[in-house]
Every structure is written in C-alpha cells, then in structure tokens.
Amino acid sequence: MEFRFIWVQTGGHYTPTRCKPRERVAILIPFRNRNNHLRILLNNLHPILYRQQLEYSIYVLKQADEKPFNRGKLFNIGYLEAKKDNHTCFVFHDVDLIPENDHILYGCVRSPMHLSRAVNTFNYKLPYKELLGGVAAWKTREFEQVNGWSNLFVNWGGEDDDLSYRTIANKLSIFRFRNSVARYTMLEHRRTPVNTARHRQLQDSYTRYKIDGLSSLVYESPRIQRYHLFTMVSINT
C-alpha cells in the first residue's frame, strides 16, 4: 500500500506544492486492536486528502495500556501533541468510518463541523440534531473554548453527547454538509463494552466542562513513532 502514496512524507504528512493551504490539518484517529480498519481507512483517506490539496498529517492515537478504552482522553492528548506541530484544524476521526466521496471537505470550512452526518448504518440520516459523533472538525479557538473532550468517559458511549452539550453550553452552532455529500460507510466491528455510567455522567455536562477536559488533563509523555503513512502516538491513559 505504501508504494502507492508517493506524495506522503514520513509521519503521514503532505504539503501541496502548487498552492498555499489556509489550514494545517491534523487527522486524529483513536485506536486499539483495529489494524484492518486502520489499513482500510488510510487506503481511502490519503487519496481524498491529497485530491483536496490539503496540508495534512495523520496521527494514530494508540491506547497502549489495558485500561478501559478512553476515546475522549486519547483525543485530548492527540490534540495537544498535534498542536505542537503547528496544526490549526483538527479532525477527530473514528477508525471505522470511511468517507464515500471527495466532496466532504476536511479543511475546517467552519468550526465546529460534524462531517459524518449520513452514515450507512443509520440509513444515511442524522439520528438526532445534537449528534457530534464519528468524524468532526474543530479549529483551536472553539475546541479550547469548550475545554476539549471529557476525560471521564470510558468504554462505549457518552463522550460524543458530552461534547455536544459543551458546544451548546458555549452557544456554538454545529455546521454540516447536506446528506447527499456527508456520506460514510461504517466498517463492521464488534461493539466494545458499554459505558453503563454514561447517563449519570451526562447530567452535569453543561457545567462540568469548565473543569473536566483539556484543563484537567494529566498524562505521561507519549511514545512517538513516525511511519510512512501516519505518526503513531502511543498513550498510557
């Protein structure tokens, strides 16, 4: 696969030579034991980002420990690590969602943007208007305004809705492309254990965001490995 992507520089980075991009885009992908999904996503995503002539880097955020999966914390750490590389647009991207066309613009046209509006498993319809799950793009100002993701949600469920409530609490509007454009295919996968505490945790999302997120994040320096198609950020949560 790597021989196809001759434009990609070490670390999964590309800079256009014929134009000056307005944004430096970081694609952040939380990951654990999904090698086949990652291969399929990279195989589809690199060509789309190249054809859109974006300056981009792909970061795979690997949870290296055996604790319950903490997607929000991985995203927060990945954001701070990618910010060190002077990125200005951050796309939070699930590993099992594959864009179906080139018209889904990954360059932070607005902030926040919910890109995965129409997913095949939901019959290409938005399940509810507050949804921010799957694939979403943020610029630095708005993401730090909501204090990033919660660090408290583990296993499956809740952290996306918490981020949506943070967005609403800060009077930010969610931008989406129309259904015919924002189409994604979800790869088949086994569901991770459900977060049984999510409903209780969501009760104070509108106020808790001020003290739970980027501002409360504590973590060890991750291990950084730069491969051809991505930068691996190995994280102990």
C-alpha atoms as a PDB file:
ATOM      1  CA  MET A   1       0.000   0.000   0.000  1.00  0.00           C
ATOM      2  CA  GLU A   2       2.740   2.463   0.909  1.00  0.00           C
ATOM      3  CA  PHE A   3       4.266   2.425  -2.582  1.00  0.00           C
ATOM      4  CA  ARG A   4       1.073   3.931  -3.990  1.00  0.00           C
ATOM      5  CA  PHE A   5       1.273   7.049  -1.850  1.00  0.00           C
ATOM      6  CA  ILE A   6       4.480   8.545  -3.174  1.00  0.00           C
ATOM      7  CA  TRP A   7       3.392  12.066  -2.182  1.00  0.00           C
ATOM      8  CA  VAL A   8       3.200  11.190   1.532  1.00  0.00           C
ATOM      9  CA  GLN A   9       6.170  12.180   3.657  1.00  0.00           C
ATOM     10  CA  THR A  10       7.318  10.348   6.793  1.00  0.00           C
ATOM     11  CA  GLY A  11       4.747  10.643   9.574  1.00  0.00           C
ATOM     12  CA  GLY A  12       1.752  10.644   7.207  1.00  0.00           C
ATOM     13  CA  HIS A  13       2.352  14.257   6.189  1.00  0.00           C
ATOM     14  CA  TYR A  14       1.708  16.074   2.915  1.00  0.00           C
ATOM     15  CA  THR A  15       2.261  19.684   1.863  1.00  0.00           C
ATOM     16  CA  PRO A  16       0.915  20.876  -1.517  1.00  0.00           C
ATOM     17  CA  THR A  17       3.474  22.430  -3.848  1.00  0.00           C
ATOM     18  CA  ARG A  18       1.138  24.352  -6.152  1.00  0.00           C
ATOM     19  CA  CYS A  19      -0.875  26.300  -3.597  1.00  0.00           C
ATOM     20  CA  LYS A  20      -0.616  27.696  -0.080  1.00  0.00           C
ATOM     21  CA  PRO A  21      -3.196  25.986   2.171  1.00  0.00           C
ATOM     22  CA  ARG A  22      -5.118  28.125   4.649  1.00  0.00           C
ATOM     23  CA  GLU A  23      -5.026  25.430   7.338  1.00  0.00           C
ATOM     24  CA  ARG A  24      -2.634  22.792   8.633  1.00  0.00           C
ATOM     25  CA  VAL A  25      -4.937  19.821   9.193  1.00  0.00           C
ATOM     26  CA  ALA A  26      -4.328  17.107  11.796  1.00  0.00           C
ATOM     27  CA  ILE A  27      -6.357  13.910  11.405  1.00  0.00           C
ATOM     28  CA  LEU A  28      -6.624  12.278  14.855  1.00  0.00           C
ATOM     29  CA  ILE A  29      -7.647   8.601  14.957  1.00  0.00           C
ATOM     30  CA  PRO A  30      -8.167   6.800  18.308  1.00  0.00           C
ATOM     31  CA  PHE A  31      -7.029   3.211  18.052  1.00  0.00           C
ATOM     32  CA  ARG A  32      -6.644  -0.130  19.782  1.00  0.00           C
ATOM     33  CA  ASN A  33      -6.568  -3.544  18.093  1.00  0.00           C
ATOM     34  CA  ARG A  34      -8.208  -2.346  14.859  1.00  0.00           C
ATOM     35  CA  ASN A  35      -5.372  -2.981  12.386  1.00  0.00           C
ATOM     36  CA  ASN A  36      -7.606  -3.993   9.482  1.00  0.00           C
ATOM     37  CA  HIS A  37      -9.874  -0.974   9.960  1.00  0.00           C
ATOM     38  CA  LEU A  38      -6.863   1.331  10.095  1.00  0.00           C
ATOM     39  CA  ARG A  39      -5.460  -0.093   6.866  1.00  0.00           C
ATOM     40  CA  ILE A  40      -8.772   0.428   5.049  1.00  0.00           C
ATOM     41  CA  LEU A  41      -9.192   3.968   6.392  1.00  0.00           C
ATOM     42  CA  LEU A  42      -5.663   5.042   5.420  1.00  0.00           C
ATOM     43  CA  ASN A  43      -6.093   3.486   1.992  1.00  0.00           C
ATOM     44  CA  ASN A  44      -9.187   5.635   1.403  1.00  0.00           C
ATOM     45  CA  LEU A  45      -8.338   8.789   3.329  1.00  0.00           C
ATOM     46  CA  HIS A  46      -4.886   9.643   1.964  1.00  0.00           C
ATOM     47  CA  PRO A  47      -6.073   9.938  -1.667  1.00  0.00           C
ATOM     48  CA  ILE A  48      -9.045  12.116  -0.682  1.00  0.00           C
ATOM     49  CA  LEU A  49      -6.908  14.493   1.376  1.00  0.00           C
ATOM     50  CA  TYR A  50      -4.353  14.661  -1.457  1.00  0.00           C
ATOM     51  CA  ARG A  51      -7.002  15.457  -4.083  1.00  0.00           C
ATOM     52  CA  GLN A  52      -8.347  18.207  -1.816  1.00  0.00           C
ATOM     53  CA  GLN A  53      -4.803  19.618  -1.773  1.00  0.00           C
ATOM     54  CA  LEU A  54      -4.724  19.980   1.981  1.00  0.00           C
ATOM     55  CA  GLU A  55      -1.636  20.285   4.087  1.00  0.00           C
ATOM     56  CA  TYR A  56      -2.241  17.436   6.499  1.00  0.00           C
ATOM     57  CA  SER A  57      -0.763  14.916   8.906  1.00  0.00           C
ATOM     58  CA  ILE A  58      -2.389  11.713  10.182  1.00  0.00           C
ATOM     59  CA  TYR A  59      -1.935  10.781  13.835  1.00  0.00           C
ATOM     60  CA  VAL A  60      -2.952   7.352  15.144  1.00  0.00           C
ATOM     61  CA  LEU A  61      -3.654   7.631  18.873  1.00  0.00           C
ATOM     62  CA  LYS A  62      -2.963   4.178  20.254  1.00  0.00           C
ATOM     63  CA  GLN A  63      -4.103   3.370  23.766  1.00  0.00           C
ATOM     64  CA  ALA A  64      -1.123   1.299  24.877  1.00  0.00           C
ATOM     65  CA  ASP A  65      -2.391   0.178  28.286  1.00  0.00           C
ATOM     66  CA  GLU A  66      -5.091  -2.371  29.112  1.00  0.00           C
ATOM     67  CA  LYS A  67      -7.433   0.037  30.875  1.00  0.00           C
ATOM     68  CA  PRO A  68     -10.969   0.541  29.519  1.00  0.00           C
ATOM     69  CA  PHE A  69     -10.816   2.450  26.229  1.00  0.00           C
ATOM     70  CA  ASN A  70     -10.905   6.217  26.798  1.00  0.00           C
ATOM     71  CA  ARG A  71     -11.637   7.832  23.441  1.00  0.00           C
ATOM     72  CA  GLY A  72     -12.051  11.366  24.770  1.00  0.00           C
ATOM     73  CA  LYS A  73      -8.753  11.365  26.637  1.00  0.00           C
ATOM     74  CA  LEU A  74      -6.946   9.955  23.600  1.00  0.00           C
ATOM     75  CA  PHE A  75      -8.375  12.798  21.526  1.00  0.00           C
ATOM     76  CA  ASN A  76      -7.307  15.421  24.082  1.00  0.00           C
ATOM     77  CA  ILE A  77      -3.755  14.103  24.210  1.00  0.00           C
ATOM     78  CA  GLY A  78      -3.612  13.769  20.439  1.00  0.00           C
ATOM     79  CA  TYR A  79      -4.807  17.345  20.061  1.00  0.00           C
ATOM     80  CA  LEU A  80      -2.081  18.716  22.329  1.00  0.00           C
ATOM     81  CA  GLU A  81       0.611  16.643  20.607  1.00  0.00           C
ATOM     82  CA  ALA A  82      -0.542  17.677  17.130  1.00  0.00           C
ATOM     83  CA  LYS A  83      -0.760  21.305  18.216  1.00  0.00           C
ATOM     84  CA  LYS A  84       2.997  21.159  18.884  1.00  0.00           C
ATOM     85  CA  ASP A  85       3.384  20.649  15.126  1.00  0.00           C
ATOM     86  CA  ASN A  86       1.557  23.936  14.477  1.00  0.00           C
ATOM     87  CA  HIS A  87      -1.677  22.448  13.189  1.00  0.00           C
ATOM     88  CA  THR A  88      -4.673  24.781  13.061  1.00  0.00           C
ATOM     89  CA  CYS A  89      -7.514  22.398  12.118  1.00  0.00           C
ATOM     90  CA  PHE A  90      -8.178  19.158  13.986  1.00  0.00           C
ATOM     91  CA  VAL A  91     -10.329  16.342  12.616  1.00  0.00           C
ATOM     92  CA  PHE A  92     -11.413  13.793  15.234  1.00  0.00           C
ATOM     93  CA  HIS A  93     -11.962  10.643  13.180  1.00  0.00           C
ATOM     94  CA  ASP A  94     -13.202   7.182  14.196  1.00  0.00           C
ATOM     95  CA  VAL A  95     -11.161   4.385  12.627  1.00  0.00           C
ATOM     96  CA  ASP A  96     -14.214   2.527  11.288  1.00  0.00           C
ATOM     97  CA  LEU A  97     -15.812   5.372   9.297  1.00  0.00           C
ATOM     98  CA  ILE A  98     -14.877   5.554   5.617  1.00  0.00           C
ATOM     99  CA  PRO A  99     -15.773   8.671   3.561  1.00  0.00           C
ATOM    100  CA  GLU A 100     -17.628   7.743   0.385  1.00  0.00           C
ATOM    101  CA  ASN A 101     -16.680  10.732  -1.775  1.00  0.00           C
ATOM    102  CA  ASP A 102     -14.286  13.654  -2.272  1.00  0.00           C
ATOM    103  CA  HIS A 103     -16.862  16.342  -1.529  1.00  0.00           C
ATOM    104  CA  ILE A 104     -16.555  16.006   2.260  1.00  0.00           C
ATOM    105  CA  LEU A 105     -14.174  18.888   2.889  1.00  0.00           C
ATOM    106  CA  TYR A 106     -11.688  18.138   5.652  1.00  0.00           C
ATOM    107  CA  GLY A 107     -10.215  21.641   5.915  1.00  0.00           C
ATOM    108  CA  CYS A 108     -12.244  23.321   8.692  1.00  0.00           C
ATOM    109  CA  VAL A 109     -14.555  25.339   6.475  1.00  0.00           C
ATOM    110  CA  ARG A 110     -16.397  26.091   9.735  1.00  0.00           C
ATOM    111  CA  SER A 111     -15.815  25.214  13.374  1.00  0.00           C
ATOM    112  CA  PRO A 112     -17.178  23.020  14.745  1.00  0.00           C
ATOM    113  CA  MET A 113     -18.125  20.848  11.754  1.00  0.00           C
ATOM    114  CA  HIS A 114     -19.820  17.462  12.036  1.00  0.00           C
ATOM    115  CA  LEU A 115     -18.624  15.656   8.906  1.00  0.00           C
ATOM    116  CA  SER A 116     -20.217  12.201   9.317  1.00  0.00           C
ATOM    117  CA  ARG A 117     -23.808  13.344   9.059  1.00  0.00           C
ATOM    118  CA  ALA A 118     -25.015  10.492   6.841  1.00  0.00           C
ATOM    119  CA  VAL A 119     -23.779   7.017   7.806  1.00  0.00           C
ATOM    120  CA  ASN A 120     -24.982   3.841   6.101  1.00  0.00           C
ATOM    121  CA  THR A 121     -25.872   2.139   9.398  1.00  0.00           C
ATOM    122  CA  PHE A 122     -28.349   4.985  10.082  1.00  0.00           C
ATOM    123  CA  ASN A 123     -29.767   4.835   6.541  1.00  0.00           C
ATOM    124  CA  TYR A 124     -27.760   7.973   5.704  1.00  0.00           C
ATOM    125  CA  LYS A 125     -29.881  10.094   8.021  1.00  0.00           C
ATOM    126  CA  LEU A 126     -28.893  12.150  11.054  1.00  0.00           C
ATOM    127  CA  PRO A 127     -30.223  10.246  14.092  1.00  0.00           C
ATOM    128  CA  TYR A 128     -30.620  13.423  16.177  1.00  0.00           C
ATOM    129  CA  LYS A 129     -29.641  17.038  15.653  1.00  0.00           C
ATOM    130  CA  GLU A 130     -27.180  17.255  18.554  1.00  0.00           C
ATOM    131  CA  LEU A 131     -25.037  14.380  17.254  1.00  0.00           C
ATOM    132  CA  LEU A 132     -21.300  15.128  17.066  1.00  0.00           C
ATOM    133  CA  GLY A 133     -20.004  11.571  16.897  1.00  0.00           C
ATOM    134  CA  GLY A 134     -17.958   9.798  14.253  1.00  0.00           C
ATOM    135  CA  VAL A 135     -15.986  12.476  12.413  1.00  0.00           C
ATOM    136  CA  ALA A 136     -15.858  16.143  13.458  1.00  0.00           C
ATOM    137  CA  ALA A 137     -13.534  19.067  12.697  1.00  0.00           C
ATOM    138  CA  TRP A 138     -12.584  21.875  15.070  1.00  0.00           C
ATOM    139  CA  LYS A 139     -10.314  24.875  14.986  1.00  0.00           C
ATOM    140  CA  THR A 140      -8.209  25.693  18.019  1.00  0.00           C
ATOM    141  CA  ARG A 141     -10.295  28.594  19.330  1.00  0.00           C
ATOM    142  CA  GLU A 142     -13.611  26.764  19.501  1.00  0.00           C
ATOM    143  CA  PHE A 143     -12.111  23.479  20.708  1.00  0.00           C
ATOM    144  CA  GLU A 144     -10.345  25.173  23.598  1.00  0.00           C
ATOM    145  CA  GLN A 145     -13.438  27.255  24.319  1.00  0.00           C
ATOM    146  CA  VAL A 146     -15.358  24.038  25.137  1.00  0.00           C
ATOM    147  CA  ASN A 147     -12.286  22.698  27.013  1.00  0.00           C
ATOM    148  CA  GLY A 148     -11.909  19.769  24.621  1.00  0.00           C
ATOM    149  CA  TRP A 149     -13.369  16.354  25.355  1.00  0.00           C
ATOM    150  CA  SER A 150     -14.259  14.971  28.759  1.00  0.00           C
ATOM    151  CA  ASN A 151     -11.609  12.684  30.255  1.00  0.00           C
ATOM    152  CA  LEU A 152     -14.153  10.728  32.302  1.00  0.00           C
ATOM    153  CA  PHE A 153     -15.971   8.543  29.768  1.00  0.00           C
ATOM    154  CA  VAL A 154     -14.600   5.035  29.219  1.00  0.00           C
ATOM    155  CA  ASN A 155     -15.808   2.126  27.066  1.00  0.00           C
ATOM    156  CA  TRP A 156     -18.552   2.827  24.522  1.00  0.00           C
ATOM    157  CA  GLY A 157     -20.987   5.719  24.748  1.00  0.00           C
ATOM    158  CA  GLY A 158     -21.489   9.185  26.152  1.00  0.00           C
ATOM    159  CA  GLU A 159     -18.405  11.212  25.255  1.00  0.00           C
ATOM    160  CA  ASP A 160     -19.859  12.417  21.936  1.00  0.00           C
ATOM    161  CA  ASP A 161     -23.039  13.651  23.588  1.00  0.00           C
ATOM    162  CA  ASP A 162     -20.981  15.310  26.319  1.00  0.00           C
ATOM    163  CA  LEU A 163     -19.028  17.200  23.636  1.00  0.00           C
ATOM    164  CA  SER A 164     -22.300  18.235  22.023  1.00  0.00           C
ATOM    165  CA  TYR A 165     -23.575  19.603  25.345  1.00  0.00           C
ATOM    166  CA  ARG A 166     -20.320  21.551  25.761  1.00  0.00           C
ATOM    167  CA  THR A 167     -20.909  23.011  22.321  1.00  0.00           C
ATOM    168  CA  ILE A 168     -24.464  24.040  23.177  1.00  0.00           C
ATOM    169  CA  ALA A 169     -23.380  25.497  26.535  1.00  0.00           C
ATOM    170  CA  ASN A 170     -20.927  27.743  24.683  1.00  0.00           C
ATOM    171  CA  LYS A 171     -23.593  28.809  22.148  1.00  0.00           C
ATOM    172  CA  LEU A 172     -21.659  27.357  19.217  1.00  0.00           C
ATOM    173  CA  SER A 173     -23.569  26.062  16.211  1.00  0.00           C
ATOM    174  CA  ILE A 174     -22.707  22.757  14.540  1.00  0.00           C
ATOM    175  CA  PHE A 175     -22.157  23.026  10.779  1.00  0.00           C
ATOM    176  CA  ARG A 176     -22.920  20.061   8.495  1.00  0.00           C
ATOM    177  CA  PHE A 177     -22.858  19.390   4.787  1.00  0.00           C
ATOM    178  CA  ARG A 178     -26.074  18.075   3.245  1.00  0.00           C
ATOM    179  CA  ASN A 179     -26.901  14.370   3.441  1.00  0.00           C
ATOM    180  CA  SER A 180     -26.006  13.709  -0.201  1.00  0.00           C
ATOM    181  CA  VAL A 181     -22.438  14.893   0.477  1.00  0.00           C
ATOM    182  CA  ALA A 182     -21.556  13.827   4.019  1.00  0.00           C
ATOM    183  CA  ARG A 183     -21.822  10.075   3.362  1.00  0.00           C
ATOM    184  CA  TYR A 184     -19.781   7.497   5.259  1.00  0.00           C
ATOM    185  CA  THR A 185     -19.663   3.713   5.409  1.00  0.00           C
ATOM    186  CA  MET A 186     -19.168   2.149   8.838  1.00  0.00           C
ATOM    187  CA  LEU A 187     -16.971  -0.955   8.813  1.00  0.00           C
ATOM    188  CA  GLU A 188     -18.311  -3.976  10.645  1.00  0.00           C
ATOM    189  CA  HIS A 189     -16.891  -4.378  14.122  1.00  0.00           C
ATOM    190  CA  ARG A 190     -17.621  -5.906  17.475  1.00  0.00           C
ATOM    191  CA  ARG A 191     -19.042  -3.415  19.914  1.00  0.00           C
ATOM    192  CA  THR A 192     -16.788  -2.538  22.817  1.00  0.00           C
ATOM    193  CA  PRO A 193     -18.205  -2.808  26.367  1.00  0.00           C
ATOM    194  CA  VAL A 194     -20.927  -0.251  27.038  1.00  0.00           C
ATOM    195  CA  ASN A 195     -20.354   2.651  29.419  1.00  0.00           C
ATOM    196  CA  THR A 196     -23.149   1.934  31.892  1.00  0.00           C
ATOM    197  CA  ALA A 197     -22.497   5.206  33.758  1.00  0.00           C
ATOM    198  CA  ARG A 198     -22.947   7.466  30.726  1.00  0.00           C
ATOM    199  CA  HIS A 199     -26.472   8.689  31.510  1.00  0.00           C
ATOM    200  CA  ARG A 200     -25.462   9.743  35.004  1.00  0.00           C
ATOM    201  CA  GLN A 201     -22.264  11.359  33.723  1.00  0.00           C
ATOM    202  CA  LEU A 202     -24.177  13.398  31.141  1.00  0.00           C
ATOM    203  CA  GLN A 203     -26.396  15.026  33.761  1.00  0.00           C
ATOM    204  CA  ASP A 204     -23.868  17.745  34.576  1.00  0.00           C
ATOM    205  CA  SER A 205     -22.162  18.104  31.183  1.00  0.00           C
ATOM    206  CA  TYR A 206     -23.349  21.704  30.726  1.00  0.00           C
ATOM    207  CA  THR A 207     -21.395  22.850  33.780  1.00  0.00           C
ATOM    208  CA  ARG A 208     -18.697  20.202  34.268  1.00  0.00           C
ATOM    209  CA  TYR A 209     -16.973  21.105  31.003  1.00  0.00           C
ATOM    210  CA  LYS A 210     -15.258  24.039  32.737  1.00  0.00           C
ATOM    211  CA  ILE A 211     -13.216  21.733  34.986  1.00  0.00           C
ATOM    212  CA  ASP A 212     -13.102  18.470  33.012  1.00  0.00           C
ATOM    213  CA  GLY A 213     -11.188  18.403  29.745  1.00  0.00           C
ATOM    214  CA  LEU A 214      -8.001  19.949  28.424  1.00  0.00           C
ATOM    215  CA  SER A 215      -7.629  21.979  31.603  1.00  0.00           C
ATOM    216  CA  SER A 216      -7.627  18.890  33.834  1.00  0.00           C
ATOM    217  CA  LEU A 217      -5.638  16.597  31.553  1.00  0.00           C
ATOM    218  CA  VAL A 218      -2.715  14.775  33.174  1.00  0.00           C
ATOM    219  CA  TYR A 219      -0.693  12.304  31.128  1.00  0.00           C
ATOM    220  CA  GLU A 220       2.723  10.795  30.595  1.00  0.00           C
ATOM    221  CA  SER A 221       4.691  11.903  27.553  1.00  0.00           C
ATOM    222  CA  PRO A 222       3.583   9.504  24.813  1.00  0.00           C
ATOM    223  CA  ARG A 223       5.887   7.476  22.623  1.00  0.00           C
ATOM    224  CA  ILE A 224       6.034   8.996  19.128  1.00  0.00           C
ATOM    225  CA  GLN A 225       6.855   6.783  16.133  1.00  0.00           C
ATOM    226  CA  ARG A 226       6.785   8.191  12.599  1.00  0.00           C
ATOM    227  CA  TYR A 227       5.879   5.672   9.912  1.00  0.00           C
ATOM    228  CA  HIS A 228       5.344   6.399   6.245  1.00  0.00           C
ATOM    229  CA  LEU A 229       1.547   6.763   6.324  1.00  0.00           C
ATOM    230  CA  PHE A 230       0.978   8.008   9.876  1.00  0.00           C
ATOM    231  CA  THR A 231       2.509   9.137  13.135  1.00  0.00           C
ATOM    232  CA  MET A 232       1.819   6.673  15.942  1.00  0.00           C
ATOM    233  CA  VAL A 233       1.209   8.278  19.343  1.00  0.00           C
ATOM    234  CA  SER A 234       1.302   5.510  21.974  1.00  0.00           C
ATOM    235  CA  ILE A 235      -0.554   6.661  25.084  1.00  0.00           C
ATOM    236  CA  ASN A 236      -0.926   5.325  28.600  1.00  0.00           C
ATOM    237  CA  THR A 237      -4.212   6.681  29.889  1.00  0.00           C
END
